[in-house]
C-alpha atoms as a PDB file:
ATOM      1  CA  MET A   1      17.850 -16.626  22.724  1.00  0.00           C
ATOM      2  CA  ASP A   2      15.899 -13.477  23.532  1.00  0.00           C
ATOM      3  CA  TRP A   3      14.183 -11.394  20.856  1.00  0.00           C
ATOM      4  CA  ALA A   4      16.761  -8.561  20.783  1.00  0.00           C
ATOM      5  CA  LYS A   5      19.703 -10.941  20.319  1.00  0.00           C
ATOM      6  CA  GLN A   6      17.871 -12.880  17.598  1.00  0.00           C
ATOM      7  CA  GLN A   7      17.366  -9.647  15.631  1.00  0.00           C
ATOM      8  CA  GLN A   8      21.126  -9.017  15.638  1.00  0.00           C
ATOM      9  CA  THR A   9      21.951 -12.338  13.959  1.00  0.00           C
ATOM     10  CA  ASP A  10      21.750 -13.265  10.305  1.00  0.00           C
ATOM     11  CA  ALA A  11      19.277 -16.034  11.122  1.00  0.00           C
ATOM     12  CA  PRO A  12      16.160 -16.225   8.946  1.00  0.00           C
ATOM     13  CA  ARG A  13      13.168 -14.393  10.367  1.00  0.00           C
ATOM     14  CA  ARG A  14       9.795 -15.985  10.849  1.00  0.00           C
ATOM     15  CA  ALA A  15       6.784 -14.449   9.194  1.00  0.00           C
ATOM     16  CA  VAL A  16       4.015 -13.167  11.421  1.00  0.00           C
ATOM     17  CA  HIS A  17       0.357 -12.877  10.515  1.00  0.00           C
ATOM     18  CA  VAL A  18      -1.494 -10.157  12.384  1.00  0.00           C
ATOM     19  CA  ARG A  19      -5.219  -9.542  12.211  1.00  0.00           C
ATOM     20  CA  LEU A  20      -6.571  -6.338  13.689  1.00  0.00           C
ATOM     21  CA  SER A  21     -10.174  -5.536  14.404  1.00  0.00           C
ATOM     22  CA  PHE A  22     -11.664  -2.326  15.718  1.00  0.00           C
ATOM     23  CA  PRO A  23     -15.236  -2.956  16.947  1.00  0.00           C
ATOM     24  CA  GLY A  24     -17.536  -0.054  16.209  1.00  0.00           C
ATOM     25  CA  ALA A  25     -14.886   1.661  14.092  1.00  0.00           C
ATOM     26  CA  ASN A  26     -15.190   3.543  10.834  1.00  0.00           C
ATOM     27  CA  PRO A  27     -15.718   0.799   8.194  1.00  0.00           C
ATOM     28  CA  SER A  28     -13.671   2.793   5.636  1.00  0.00           C
ATOM     29  CA  PRO A  29     -10.671   4.410   7.311  1.00  0.00           C
ATOM     30  CA  ARG A  30      -8.190   6.194   5.044  1.00  0.00           C
ATOM     31  CA  LEU A  31      -5.070   4.060   4.514  1.00  0.00           C
ATOM     32  CA  GLU A  32      -1.674   5.722   4.006  1.00  0.00           C
ATOM     33  CA  PRO A  33       1.609   3.895   3.344  1.00  0.00           C
ATOM     34  CA  LEU A  34       4.528   4.699   5.676  1.00  0.00           C
ATOM     35  CA  ASN A  35       8.289   4.518   5.160  1.00  0.00           C
ATOM     36  CA  ARG A  36       8.814   3.396   1.577  1.00  0.00           C
ATOM     37  CA  LEU A  37      11.602   0.827   1.472  1.00  0.00           C
ATOM     38  CA  ASP A  38      14.268   0.388  -1.210  1.00  0.00           C
ATOM     39  CA  THR A  39      12.770  -3.005  -2.074  1.00  0.00           C
ATOM     40  CA  VAL A  40      10.338  -3.741  -4.884  1.00  0.00           C
ATOM     41  CA  VAL A  41       8.576  -7.022  -5.616  1.00  0.00           C
ATOM     42  CA  SER A  42       7.064  -8.387  -8.801  1.00  0.00           C
ATOM     43  CA  TYR A  43       4.008 -10.606  -9.146  1.00  0.00           C
ATOM     44  CA  PHE A  44       4.026 -12.625 -12.354  1.00  0.00           C
ATOM     45  CA  ILE A  45       0.768 -14.469 -11.864  1.00  0.00           C
ATOM     46  CA  GLY A  46      -1.036 -15.626 -14.959  1.00  0.00           C
ATOM     47  CA  SER A  47       0.120 -16.274 -18.488  1.00  0.00           C
ATOM     48  CA  THR A  48      -0.215 -12.810 -20.008  1.00  0.00           C
ATOM     49  CA  PRO A  49       1.666  -9.582 -19.258  1.00  0.00           C
ATOM     50  CA  GLU A  50      -1.650  -7.815 -18.570  1.00  0.00           C
ATOM     51  CA  GLU A  51      -1.961  -9.944 -15.406  1.00  0.00           C
ATOM     52  CA  TRP A  52       1.575  -9.202 -14.182  1.00  0.00           C
ATOM     53  CA  HIS A  53       2.540  -6.542 -11.653  1.00  0.00           C
ATOM     54  CA  PRO A  54       6.269  -5.728 -11.866  1.00  0.00           C
ATOM     55  CA  ASP A  55       8.176  -3.406  -9.517  1.00  0.00           C
ATOM     56  CA  VAL A  56       5.526  -3.023  -6.824  1.00  0.00           C
ATOM     57  CA  PRO A  57       6.882  -0.798  -4.014  1.00  0.00           C
ATOM     58  CA  VAL A  58       7.294  -2.195  -0.492  1.00  0.00           C
ATOM     59  CA  TRP A  59       6.403  -0.107   2.544  1.00  0.00           C
ATOM     60  CA  GLY A  60       7.512  -0.378   6.163  1.00  0.00           C
ATOM     61  CA  GLY A  61       4.069   0.257   7.605  1.00  0.00           C
ATOM     62  CA  VAL A  62       0.579   1.576   7.131  1.00  0.00           C
ATOM     63  CA  ARG A  63      -1.402   4.334   8.813  1.00  0.00           C
ATOM     64  CA  TYR A  64      -5.157   3.916   9.321  1.00  0.00           C
ATOM     65  CA  ARG A  65      -6.589   7.443   9.574  1.00  0.00           C
ATOM     66  CA  ASP A  66      -9.880   8.088  11.326  1.00  0.00           C
ATOM     67  CA  VAL A  67     -10.315   4.557  12.673  1.00  0.00           C
ATOM     68  CA  TYR A  68     -12.449   6.125  15.363  1.00  0.00           C
ATOM     69  CA  ARG A  69     -13.334   9.781  15.559  1.00  0.00           C
ATOM     70  CA  ALA A  70     -10.026  11.600  16.176  1.00  0.00           C
ATOM     71  CA  LEU A  71      -8.004   8.340  16.378  1.00  0.00           C
ATOM     72  CA  THR A  72      -5.287   7.236  13.967  1.00  0.00           C
ATOM     73  CA  SER A  73      -3.499   3.872  14.175  1.00  0.00           C
ATOM     74  CA  ASN A  74       0.000   3.153  12.808  1.00  0.00           C
ATOM     75  CA  SER A  75       1.230  -0.379  12.091  1.00  0.00           C
ATOM     76  CA  ARG A  76       4.858  -1.004  11.173  1.00  0.00           C
ATOM     77  CA  GLY A  77       6.916  -4.020  10.186  1.00  0.00           C
ATOM     78  CA  GLY A  78      10.463  -4.894  11.138  1.00  0.00           C
ATOM     79  CA  MET A  79      12.283  -4.717  14.438  1.00  0.00           C
ATOM     80  CA  ALA A  80      10.376  -1.688  15.702  1.00  0.00           C
ATOM     81  CA  SER A  81       7.216  -3.828  15.912  1.00  0.00           C
ATOM     82  CA  GLY A  82       8.715  -6.436  18.207  1.00  0.00           C
ATOM     83  CA  PRO A  83       8.294  -6.672  21.949  1.00  0.00           C
ATOM     84  CA  GLY A  84       8.890  -3.278  23.443  1.00  0.00           C
ATOM     85  CA  GLY A  85       8.968  -1.676  19.980  1.00  0.00           C
ATOM     86  CA  GLY A  86       6.662   0.975  18.594  1.00  0.00           C
END
């Protein structure tokens, strides 16, 4: 099954781990969230409420501003990031 047809089914999606590196880039680019989604997640790690993080917003992507001088990089999740996507 090709990628486009798989995205149209209700089949579970596989997670993807992506690691980006930008040799010689700004070590502290400005990060900006993109496309806030309707989803929230909660992290109840630890035994006390002070350690918990309820209702954390989920975003569809992230923008790295000033990666290199005058260069900004956008990374998005979902179908738009697949082969041929943006």
